């Protein structure tokens, strides 16, 4: 049995200082809890919006064996929003399609989705996805991109993730589905 680790990083100066409650981190975990049937272990971090700290946190989570890291916060145009810069700095490859899809879906709900700078990319055998900060937007974006996540993780030689198809169905080409039986 594989030990599947998933990182959840909330990037927020105020939440990390205790000024308000982190709602994004728990929302990400709850969504993944509903989505995956594979056993997995969460590793949650709540950090300030500092680029070096974000980069170090992402690298450490990859080093700890996370196959997926979801971040929330720090993706807008404000001066302190540096999550995309930190993500780009640590990734081997950027996967623009994730960000394009998340913005397209978010635009159905709010016109300010064009201000979002979320990115996604890979570092080693880990997929990193930046999500918005609002719990409802987190759910909308994950629903839009998650069908591609398990196969992406297959392609970067991560663990085989199985989903609860009544909640979200992962897409894999027919030749890729054999891995579940192996």
N, C-alpha and C. Protein backbone atom coordinates (compact mmCIF):
# COMPACT_ATOMS: atom_id res chain seq x y z
N UNK A 1 0.85 -1.19 0.00
CA UNK A 1 0.00 0.00 0.00
C UNK A 1 0.89 1.25 0.00
N UNK A 2 0.55 2.16 -0.89
CA UNK A 2 1.32 3.39 -1.00
C UNK A 2 0.94 4.35 0.13
N UNK A 3 1.91 5.14 0.57
CA UNK A 3 1.63 6.17 1.55
C UNK A 3 1.43 7.48 0.78
N UNK A 4 0.18 7.84 0.54
CA UNK A 4 -0.14 9.03 -0.24
C UNK A 4 -0.21 10.23 0.69
N UNK A 5 0.64 11.21 0.41
CA UNK A 5 0.65 12.45 1.19
C UNK A 5 0.22 13.61 0.31
N UNK A 6 -0.66 14.43 0.86
CA UNK A 6 -1.13 15.62 0.16
C UNK A 6 -0.89 16.83 1.04
N UNK A 7 -0.23 17.83 0.47
CA UNK A 7 0.07 19.06 1.20
C UNK A 7 -1.02 20.10 0.98
N UNK A 8 -1.34 20.82 2.04
CA UNK A 8 -2.33 21.91 2.00
C UNK A 8 -1.67 23.14 2.61
N UNK A 9 -1.48 24.17 1.80
CA UNK A 9 -0.78 25.36 2.27
C UNK A 9 -1.71 26.57 2.18
N UNK A 10 -2.00 27.16 3.32
CA UNK A 10 -2.74 28.42 3.35
C UNK A 10 -1.71 29.54 3.47
N UNK A 11 -1.74 30.45 2.50
CA UNK A 11 -0.82 31.59 2.49
C UNK A 11 -1.64 32.83 2.87
N UNK A 12 -1.42 33.30 4.09
CA UNK A 12 -2.19 34.45 4.58
C UNK A 12 -1.46 35.10 5.74
N UNK A 13 -1.13 36.38 5.59
CA UNK A 13 -0.50 37.11 6.69
C UNK A 13 -1.41 37.14 7.90
N UNK A 14 -2.68 37.47 7.68
CA UNK A 14 -3.62 37.65 8.80
C UNK A 14 -3.98 36.32 9.47
N UNK A 15 -4.27 35.29 8.69
CA UNK A 15 -4.62 34.00 9.31
C UNK A 15 -3.42 33.41 10.03
N UNK A 16 -2.22 33.56 9.46
CA UNK A 16 -1.03 33.00 10.11
C UNK A 16 -0.70 33.76 11.40
N UNK A 17 -1.15 35.02 11.50
CA UNK A 17 -0.93 35.82 12.71
C UNK A 17 -2.07 35.65 13.72
N UNK A 18 -3.09 34.84 13.36
CA UNK A 18 -4.20 34.61 14.26
C UNK A 18 -5.26 35.70 14.25
N UNK A 19 -5.20 36.61 13.28
CA UNK A 19 -6.18 37.70 13.18
C UNK A 19 -7.55 37.17 12.77
N UNK A 20 -7.56 36.17 11.90
CA UNK A 20 -8.81 35.51 11.57
C UNK A 20 -8.56 34.04 11.28
N UNK A 21 -9.65 33.29 11.28
CA UNK A 21 -9.58 31.83 11.11
C UNK A 21 -9.28 31.47 9.66
N UNK A 22 -8.44 30.47 9.50
CA UNK A 22 -8.14 29.92 8.17
C UNK A 22 -9.33 29.07 7.73
N UNK A 23 -10.03 29.52 6.71
CA UNK A 23 -11.14 28.75 6.16
C UNK A 23 -10.72 27.99 4.90
N UNK A 24 -9.72 28.51 4.19
CA UNK A 24 -9.28 27.90 2.93
C UNK A 24 -8.64 26.54 3.11
N UNK A 25 -7.75 26.42 4.07
CA UNK A 25 -7.06 25.15 4.30
C UNK A 25 -8.05 24.02 4.61
N UNK A 26 -8.94 24.21 5.58
CA UNK A 26 -9.94 23.18 5.85
C UNK A 26 -10.85 22.91 4.65
N UNK A 27 -11.18 23.93 3.87
CA UNK A 27 -12.04 23.72 2.69
C UNK A 27 -11.35 22.82 1.66
N UNK A 28 -10.05 23.03 1.46
CA UNK A 28 -9.30 22.19 0.52
C UNK A 28 -9.30 20.74 1.01
N UNK A 29 -9.01 20.56 2.30
CA UNK A 29 -8.95 19.20 2.86
C UNK A 29 -10.30 18.50 2.77
N UNK A 30 -11.37 19.22 3.07
CA UNK A 30 -12.70 18.63 3.02
C UNK A 30 -13.05 18.19 1.61
N UNK A 31 -12.68 19.01 0.62
CA UNK A 31 -12.98 18.67 -0.77
C UNK A 31 -12.22 17.40 -1.17
N UNK A 32 -10.95 17.33 -0.83
CA UNK A 32 -10.15 16.14 -1.18
C UNK A 32 -10.67 14.92 -0.44
N UNK A 33 -11.12 15.10 0.80
CA UNK A 33 -11.69 13.99 1.57
C UNK A 33 -12.89 13.39 0.84
N UNK A 34 -13.70 14.24 0.21
CA UNK A 34 -14.86 13.77 -0.55
C UNK A 34 -14.44 13.17 -1.89
N UNK A 35 -13.37 13.67 -2.47
CA UNK A 35 -12.97 13.27 -3.82
C UNK A 35 -12.24 11.94 -3.87
N UNK A 36 -11.37 11.67 -2.93
CA UNK A 36 -10.50 10.50 -3.02
C UNK A 36 -11.03 9.31 -2.23
N UNK A 37 -10.91 8.14 -2.84
CA UNK A 37 -11.18 6.90 -2.11
C UNK A 37 -9.87 6.24 -1.68
N UNK A 38 -8.77 6.62 -2.32
CA UNK A 38 -7.45 6.12 -1.91
C UNK A 38 -7.14 6.67 -0.52
N UNK A 39 -6.54 5.84 0.34
CA UNK A 39 -6.14 6.38 1.65
C UNK A 39 -5.03 7.41 1.48
N UNK A 40 -5.12 8.50 2.22
CA UNK A 40 -4.12 9.56 2.09
C UNK A 40 -3.95 10.25 3.43
N UNK A 41 -2.84 10.97 3.52
CA UNK A 41 -2.48 11.67 4.75
C UNK A 41 -2.31 13.15 4.44
N UNK A 42 -3.01 14.03 5.18
CA UNK A 42 -2.83 15.46 4.94
C UNK A 42 -1.62 16.01 5.70
N UNK A 43 -0.95 16.96 5.07
CA UNK A 43 0.10 17.72 5.76
C UNK A 43 -0.27 19.19 5.54
N UNK A 44 -0.76 19.84 6.58
CA UNK A 44 -1.26 21.21 6.46
C UNK A 44 -0.28 22.23 7.02
N UNK A 45 -0.17 23.34 6.32
CA UNK A 45 0.70 24.45 6.73
C UNK A 45 -0.08 25.75 6.61
N UNK A 46 0.11 26.64 7.56
CA UNK A 46 -0.48 27.97 7.55
C UNK A 46 0.68 28.95 7.70
N UNK A 47 0.94 29.71 6.62
CA UNK A 47 2.14 30.54 6.59
C UNK A 47 1.83 31.96 6.12
N UNK A 48 2.75 32.87 6.40
CA UNK A 48 2.64 34.25 5.95
C UNK A 48 2.96 34.36 4.47
N UNK A 49 2.54 35.45 3.88
CA UNK A 49 2.72 35.71 2.45
C UNK A 49 4.13 36.27 2.21
N UNK A 50 5.11 35.41 2.36
CA UNK A 50 6.52 35.76 2.13
C UNK A 50 7.07 34.78 1.10
N UNK A 51 7.60 35.28 0.00
CA UNK A 51 7.99 34.40 -1.10
C UNK A 51 8.98 33.32 -0.68
N UNK A 52 10.00 33.68 0.06
CA UNK A 52 11.00 32.68 0.48
C UNK A 52 10.36 31.61 1.35
N UNK A 53 9.48 32.01 2.25
CA UNK A 53 8.79 31.07 3.13
C UNK A 53 7.88 30.13 2.32
N UNK A 54 7.18 30.68 1.35
CA UNK A 54 6.31 29.86 0.50
C UNK A 54 7.17 28.86 -0.29
N UNK A 55 8.24 29.34 -0.91
CA UNK A 55 9.13 28.45 -1.67
C UNK A 55 9.67 27.33 -0.78
N UNK A 56 10.16 27.68 0.40
CA UNK A 56 10.72 26.68 1.31
C UNK A 56 9.65 25.67 1.75
N UNK A 57 8.45 26.15 2.01
CA UNK A 57 7.35 25.26 2.42
C UNK A 57 7.01 24.28 1.31
N UNK A 58 6.90 24.78 0.07
CA UNK A 58 6.59 23.90 -1.06
C UNK A 58 7.70 22.86 -1.25
N UNK A 59 8.95 23.29 -1.22
CA UNK A 59 10.07 22.35 -1.38
C UNK A 59 10.06 21.29 -0.29
N UNK A 60 9.83 21.72 0.96
CA UNK A 60 9.82 20.78 2.08
C UNK A 60 8.70 19.76 1.95
N UNK A 61 7.52 20.20 1.49
CA UNK A 61 6.41 19.27 1.32
C UNK A 61 6.71 18.25 0.21
N UNK A 62 7.37 18.70 -0.85
CA UNK A 62 7.78 17.76 -1.90
C UNK A 62 8.79 16.77 -1.32
N UNK A 63 9.76 17.29 -0.56
CA UNK A 63 10.78 16.43 0.06
C UNK A 63 10.16 15.44 1.05
N UNK A 64 9.04 15.81 1.69
CA UNK A 64 8.35 14.92 2.62
C UNK A 64 7.53 13.86 1.89
N UNK A 65 7.49 13.93 0.55
CA UNK A 65 6.82 12.90 -0.24
C UNK A 65 5.43 13.23 -0.72
N UNK A 66 5.02 14.50 -0.66
CA UNK A 66 3.69 14.85 -1.17
C UNK A 66 3.64 14.65 -2.68
N UNK A 67 2.55 14.06 -3.15
CA UNK A 67 2.36 13.90 -4.59
C UNK A 67 1.49 15.02 -5.14
N UNK A 68 0.81 15.73 -4.26
CA UNK A 68 -0.07 16.83 -4.62
C UNK A 68 0.04 17.87 -3.52
N UNK A 69 0.19 19.13 -3.92
CA UNK A 69 0.16 20.24 -2.97
C UNK A 69 -0.86 21.24 -3.49
N UNK A 70 -1.82 21.58 -2.64
CA UNK A 70 -2.79 22.61 -2.96
C UNK A 70 -2.51 23.82 -2.08
N UNK A 71 -2.48 24.99 -2.71
CA UNK A 71 -2.30 26.22 -1.95
C UNK A 71 -3.56 27.06 -2.07
N UNK A 72 -3.78 27.90 -1.08
CA UNK A 72 -4.86 28.87 -1.12
C UNK A 72 -4.33 30.19 -0.62
N UNK A 73 -4.72 31.25 -1.29
CA UNK A 73 -4.31 32.59 -0.89
C UNK A 73 -3.09 33.09 -1.64
N UNK A 74 -2.97 34.41 -1.66
CA UNK A 74 -1.80 35.06 -2.23
C UNK A 74 -1.71 35.05 -3.74
N UNK A 75 -2.85 34.93 -4.44
CA UNK A 75 -2.81 34.84 -5.91
C UNK A 75 -3.40 36.06 -6.61
N UNK A 76 -3.73 37.08 -5.86
CA UNK A 76 -4.30 38.28 -6.48
C UNK A 76 -3.24 39.28 -6.90
N UNK A 77 -3.65 40.49 -7.23
CA UNK A 77 -2.71 41.51 -7.70
C UNK A 77 -2.09 42.38 -6.60
N UNK A 78 -2.48 42.17 -5.34
CA UNK A 78 -1.93 42.99 -4.25
C UNK A 78 -0.41 42.79 -4.15
N UNK A 79 0.24 43.79 -3.62
CA UNK A 79 1.71 43.74 -3.53
C UNK A 79 2.21 42.55 -2.73
N UNK A 80 1.47 42.13 -1.70
CA UNK A 80 1.92 41.01 -0.86
C UNK A 80 1.56 39.66 -1.44
N UNK A 81 0.80 39.61 -2.53
CA UNK A 81 0.39 38.34 -3.14
C UNK A 81 1.53 37.78 -4.00
N UNK A 82 2.25 36.79 -3.46
CA UNK A 82 3.42 36.25 -4.16
C UNK A 82 3.39 34.73 -4.29
N UNK A 83 2.24 34.11 -4.04
CA UNK A 83 2.17 32.65 -4.16
C UNK A 83 2.52 32.17 -5.58
N UNK A 84 2.02 32.82 -6.65
CA UNK A 84 2.38 32.35 -7.99
C UNK A 84 3.88 32.46 -8.27
N UNK A 85 4.49 33.55 -7.82
CA UNK A 85 5.93 33.72 -8.04
C UNK A 85 6.71 32.61 -7.33
N UNK A 86 6.31 32.30 -6.10
CA UNK A 86 6.98 31.24 -5.34
C UNK A 86 6.77 29.88 -6.00
N UNK A 87 5.57 29.64 -6.49
CA UNK A 87 5.27 28.36 -7.15
C UNK A 87 6.09 28.21 -8.42
N UNK A 88 6.11 29.24 -9.22
CA UNK A 88 6.90 29.20 -10.47
C UNK A 88 8.38 28.96 -10.16
N UNK A 89 8.87 29.60 -9.09
CA UNK A 89 10.29 29.48 -8.74
C UNK A 89 10.69 28.05 -8.37
N UNK A 90 9.75 27.26 -7.82
CA UNK A 90 10.12 25.91 -7.38
C UNK A 90 9.72 24.82 -8.37
N UNK A 91 8.93 25.16 -9.38
CA UNK A 91 8.45 24.13 -10.31
C UNK A 91 9.43 23.84 -11.44
N UNK A 92 9.45 22.56 -11.85
CA UNK A 92 10.22 22.13 -13.02
C UNK A 92 9.47 22.48 -14.30
N UNK A 93 8.15 22.31 -14.27
CA UNK A 93 7.30 22.57 -15.43
C UNK A 93 6.04 23.27 -14.97
N UNK A 94 5.61 24.27 -15.75
CA UNK A 94 4.35 24.97 -15.48
C UNK A 94 3.29 24.37 -16.40
N UNK A 95 2.12 24.11 -15.84
CA UNK A 95 1.00 23.53 -16.59
C UNK A 95 -0.10 24.59 -16.70
N UNK A 96 -0.01 25.40 -17.76
CA UNK A 96 -0.90 26.55 -17.93
C UNK A 96 -2.38 26.18 -18.00
N UNK A 97 -2.69 25.00 -18.48
CA UNK A 97 -4.09 24.60 -18.64
C UNK A 97 -4.88 24.63 -17.34
N UNK A 98 -4.24 24.31 -16.22
CA UNK A 98 -4.93 24.36 -14.93
C UNK A 98 -5.41 25.77 -14.63
N UNK A 99 -4.53 26.74 -14.75
CA UNK A 99 -4.88 28.13 -14.45
C UNK A 99 -5.93 28.65 -15.42
N UNK A 100 -5.77 28.31 -16.70
CA UNK A 100 -6.75 28.74 -17.70
C UNK A 100 -8.14 28.21 -17.35
N UNK A 101 -8.22 26.94 -16.99
CA UNK A 101 -9.52 26.34 -16.66
C UNK A 101 -10.11 26.93 -15.39
N UNK A 102 -9.27 27.15 -14.38
CA UNK A 102 -9.78 27.72 -13.13
C UNK A 102 -10.33 29.12 -13.35
N UNK A 103 -9.63 29.94 -14.11
CA UNK A 103 -10.12 31.29 -14.39
C UNK A 103 -11.41 31.25 -15.21
N UNK A 104 -11.47 30.36 -16.19
CA UNK A 104 -12.67 30.25 -17.02
C UNK A 104 -13.89 29.89 -16.16
N UNK A 105 -13.73 28.96 -15.25
CA UNK A 105 -14.83 28.56 -14.38
C UNK A 105 -15.18 29.70 -13.42
N UNK A 106 -14.19 30.33 -12.84
CA UNK A 106 -14.44 31.41 -11.88
C UNK A 106 -15.14 32.59 -12.52
N UNK A 107 -14.86 32.84 -13.79
CA UNK A 107 -15.52 33.95 -14.49
C UNK A 107 -17.03 33.74 -14.62
N UNK A 108 -17.48 32.53 -14.49
CA UNK A 108 -18.92 32.27 -14.51
C UNK A 108 -19.59 32.80 -13.24
N UNK A 109 -18.81 33.04 -12.19
CA UNK A 109 -19.34 33.47 -10.90
C UNK A 109 -19.03 34.93 -10.58
N UNK A 110 -17.81 35.37 -10.89
CA UNK A 110 -17.40 36.75 -10.55
C UNK A 110 -16.53 37.35 -11.65
N UNK A 111 -16.78 38.59 -12.03
CA UNK A 111 -15.96 39.22 -13.06
C UNK A 111 -14.53 39.48 -12.61
N UNK A 112 -14.30 39.50 -11.30
CA UNK A 112 -12.95 39.74 -10.79
C UNK A 112 -12.04 38.52 -10.92
N UNK A 113 -12.55 37.42 -11.45
CA UNK A 113 -11.70 36.24 -11.67
C UNK A 113 -10.55 36.57 -12.62
N UNK A 114 -10.69 37.59 -13.43
CA UNK A 114 -9.59 37.97 -14.33
C UNK A 114 -8.39 38.51 -13.56
N UNK A 115 -8.58 38.83 -12.29
CA UNK A 115 -7.48 39.30 -11.45
C UNK A 115 -6.67 38.16 -10.85
N UNK A 116 -7.18 36.95 -10.97
CA UNK A 116 -6.53 35.79 -10.37
C UNK A 116 -5.26 35.43 -11.13
N UNK A 117 -4.22 35.10 -10.39
CA UNK A 117 -2.94 34.73 -11.00
C UNK A 117 -2.52 33.32 -10.62
N UNK A 118 -3.49 32.45 -10.31
CA UNK A 118 -3.15 31.08 -9.94
C UNK A 118 -2.30 30.42 -11.02
N UNK A 119 -1.39 29.57 -10.59
CA UNK A 119 -0.61 28.76 -11.51
C UNK A 119 -0.60 27.32 -11.00
N UNK A 120 -0.14 26.43 -11.83
CA UNK A 120 0.06 25.03 -11.44
C UNK A 120 1.30 24.53 -12.14
N UNK A 121 1.96 23.61 -11.51
CA UNK A 121 3.16 23.04 -12.11
C UNK A 121 3.62 21.81 -11.35
N UNK A 122 4.70 21.24 -11.85
CA UNK A 122 5.24 20.04 -11.21
C UNK A 122 6.63 20.31 -10.66
N UNK A 123 6.91 19.62 -9.59
CA UNK A 123 8.27 19.58 -9.02
C UNK A 123 8.51 18.11 -8.72
N UNK A 124 9.41 17.50 -9.47
CA UNK A 124 9.64 16.07 -9.29
C UNK A 124 8.36 15.31 -9.57
N UNK A 125 7.96 14.47 -8.62
CA UNK A 125 6.74 13.67 -8.76
C UNK A 125 5.56 14.29 -8.01
N UNK A 126 5.55 15.61 -7.93
CA UNK A 126 4.50 16.32 -7.20
C UNK A 126 3.85 17.36 -8.10
N UNK A 127 2.55 17.44 -8.06
CA UNK A 127 1.77 18.47 -8.74
C UNK A 127 1.40 19.53 -7.71
N UNK A 128 1.66 20.80 -8.04
CA UNK A 128 1.34 21.93 -7.17
C UNK A 128 0.29 22.78 -7.88
N UNK A 129 -0.81 23.06 -7.19
CA UNK A 129 -1.88 23.86 -7.77
C UNK A 129 -2.22 25.00 -6.81
N UNK A 130 -2.19 26.23 -7.32
CA UNK A 130 -2.63 27.40 -6.55
C UNK A 130 -4.13 27.56 -6.73
N UNK A 131 -4.83 27.70 -5.63
CA UNK A 131 -6.28 27.88 -5.64
C UNK A 131 -6.64 29.25 -5.07
N UNK A 132 -7.86 29.73 -5.34
CA UNK A 132 -8.30 30.99 -4.74
C UNK A 132 -8.45 30.84 -3.22
N UNK A 133 -8.77 31.93 -2.55
CA UNK A 133 -8.87 31.91 -1.09
C UNK A 133 -10.24 31.60 -0.54
N UNK A 134 -11.28 31.88 -1.28
CA UNK A 134 -12.65 31.70 -0.81
C UNK A 134 -13.06 30.23 -0.91
N UNK A 135 -13.60 29.64 0.17
CA UNK A 135 -13.97 28.22 0.12
C UNK A 135 -14.86 27.83 -1.06
N UNK A 136 -15.85 28.63 -1.40
CA UNK A 136 -16.71 28.26 -2.54
C UNK A 136 -15.92 28.28 -3.84
N UNK A 137 -15.00 29.22 -4.00
CA UNK A 137 -14.17 29.28 -5.21
C UNK A 137 -13.18 28.12 -5.25
N UNK A 138 -12.70 27.69 -4.09
CA UNK A 138 -11.82 26.52 -4.01
C UNK A 138 -12.56 25.31 -4.58
N UNK A 139 -13.80 25.11 -4.14
CA UNK A 139 -14.59 23.96 -4.60
C UNK A 139 -14.86 24.04 -6.09
N UNK A 140 -15.21 25.22 -6.58
CA UNK A 140 -15.49 25.41 -8.01
C UNK A 140 -14.25 25.10 -8.85
N UNK A 141 -13.11 25.59 -8.42
CA UNK A 141 -11.87 25.38 -9.18
C UNK A 141 -11.42 23.93 -9.12
N UNK A 142 -11.50 23.30 -7.96
CA UNK A 142 -11.11 21.90 -7.87
C UNK A 142 -12.02 21.02 -8.73
N UNK A 143 -13.31 21.32 -8.71
CA UNK A 143 -14.24 20.54 -9.55
C UNK A 143 -13.88 20.67 -11.03
N UNK A 144 -13.38 21.83 -11.41
CA UNK A 144 -13.04 22.08 -12.81
C UNK A 144 -11.77 21.38 -13.26
N UNK A 145 -10.78 21.27 -12.37
CA UNK A 145 -9.48 20.73 -12.80
C UNK A 145 -9.18 19.32 -12.29
N UNK A 146 -9.85 18.89 -11.23
CA UNK A 146 -9.47 17.63 -10.61
C UNK A 146 -9.61 16.40 -11.49
N UNK A 147 -10.54 16.37 -12.46
CA UNK A 147 -10.59 15.19 -13.32
C UNK A 147 -9.24 14.87 -13.98
N UNK A 148 -8.39 15.87 -14.19
CA UNK A 148 -7.08 15.66 -14.81
C UNK A 148 -5.96 15.38 -13.80
N UNK A 149 -6.22 15.63 -12.54
CA UNK A 149 -5.15 15.53 -11.53
C UNK A 149 -4.60 14.11 -11.38
N UNK A 150 -5.42 13.07 -11.17
CA UNK A 150 -4.84 11.73 -10.98
C UNK A 150 -3.97 11.27 -12.16
N UNK A 151 -4.40 11.54 -13.38
CA UNK A 151 -3.60 11.13 -14.53
C UNK A 151 -2.31 11.95 -14.62
N UNK A 152 -2.38 13.22 -14.30
CA UNK A 152 -1.17 14.04 -14.26
C UNK A 152 -0.17 13.44 -13.28
N UNK A 153 -0.65 13.05 -12.11
CA UNK A 153 0.23 12.46 -11.10
C UNK A 153 0.77 11.12 -11.58
N UNK A 154 -0.03 10.35 -12.34
CA UNK A 154 0.48 9.13 -12.96
C UNK A 154 1.67 9.46 -13.87
N UNK A 155 1.49 10.49 -14.70
CA UNK A 155 2.51 10.85 -15.70
C UNK A 155 3.82 11.31 -15.07
N UNK A 156 3.76 11.90 -13.88
CA UNK A 156 5.00 12.34 -13.22
C UNK A 156 5.50 11.29 -12.21
N UNK A 157 4.95 10.08 -12.35
CA UNK A 157 5.39 8.92 -11.58
C UNK A 157 5.08 9.01 -10.10
N UNK A 158 3.92 9.62 -9.81
CA UNK A 158 3.43 9.65 -8.44
C UNK A 158 2.52 8.47 -8.18
N UNK A 159 1.89 8.42 -7.02
CA UNK A 159 1.01 7.29 -6.67
C UNK A 159 -0.29 7.32 -7.48
N UNK A 160 -0.95 6.19 -7.54
CA UNK A 160 -2.21 6.05 -8.26
C UNK A 160 -3.34 6.53 -7.35
N UNK A 161 -4.01 7.62 -7.73
CA UNK A 161 -5.11 8.18 -6.95
C UNK A 161 -6.44 7.73 -7.53
N UNK A 162 -7.29 7.21 -6.67
CA UNK A 162 -8.62 6.80 -7.10
C UNK A 162 -9.65 7.75 -6.49
N UNK A 163 -10.66 8.09 -7.30
CA UNK A 163 -11.67 9.04 -6.86
C UNK A 163 -13.01 8.36 -6.61
N UNK A 164 -13.84 9.03 -5.83
CA UNK A 164 -15.22 8.62 -5.63
C UNK A 164 -15.99 9.18 -6.82
N UNK A 165 -16.34 8.31 -7.75
CA UNK A 165 -16.96 8.77 -9.00
C UNK A 165 -18.33 9.39 -8.79
N UNK A 166 -18.95 9.18 -7.64
CA UNK A 166 -20.22 9.86 -7.38
C UNK A 166 -19.98 11.33 -7.02
N UNK A 167 -18.75 11.68 -6.70
CA UNK A 167 -18.39 13.07 -6.36
C UNK A 167 -17.63 13.73 -7.50
N UNK A 168 -16.57 13.08 -7.98
CA UNK A 168 -15.76 13.60 -9.09
C UNK A 168 -15.14 12.40 -9.80
N UNK A 169 -15.20 12.41 -11.10
CA UNK A 169 -14.65 11.30 -11.86
C UNK A 169 -13.31 11.70 -12.48
N UNK A 170 -12.29 10.93 -12.18
CA UNK A 170 -10.98 11.17 -12.79
C UNK A 170 -11.00 10.67 -14.23
N UNK A 171 -10.32 11.38 -15.10
CA UNK A 171 -10.19 10.94 -16.48
C UNK A 171 -8.81 10.35 -16.68
N UNK A 172 -8.78 9.15 -17.20
CA UNK A 172 -7.53 8.51 -17.62
C UNK A 172 -7.80 7.87 -18.97
N UNK A 173 -6.82 7.97 -19.89
CA UNK A 173 -6.97 7.24 -21.15
C UNK A 173 -7.10 5.75 -20.86
N UNK A 174 -7.73 5.02 -21.76
CA UNK A 174 -7.98 3.58 -21.53
C UNK A 174 -6.71 2.82 -21.18
N UNK A 175 -5.59 3.14 -21.84
CA UNK A 175 -4.34 2.41 -21.55
C UNK A 175 -3.84 2.68 -20.14
N UNK A 176 -4.19 3.80 -19.56
CA UNK A 176 -3.70 4.16 -18.22
C UNK A 176 -4.49 3.49 -17.10
N UNK A 177 -5.71 3.07 -17.38
CA UNK A 177 -6.56 2.51 -16.34
C UNK A 177 -6.06 1.16 -15.84
N UNK A 178 -5.16 0.54 -16.57
CA UNK A 178 -4.64 -0.77 -16.19
C UNK A 178 -3.86 -0.70 -14.88
N UNK A 179 -3.27 0.44 -14.58
CA UNK A 179 -2.42 0.57 -13.39
C UNK A 179 -3.19 0.23 -12.10
N UNK A 180 -4.46 0.54 -12.08
CA UNK A 180 -5.26 0.26 -10.87
C UNK A 180 -5.35 -1.25 -10.60
N UNK A 181 -5.30 -2.02 -11.65
CA UNK A 181 -5.40 -3.47 -11.49
C UNK A 181 -4.05 -4.11 -11.19
N UNK A 182 -2.99 -3.38 -11.41
CA UNK A 182 -1.63 -3.95 -11.24
C UNK A 182 -1.28 -4.15 -9.79
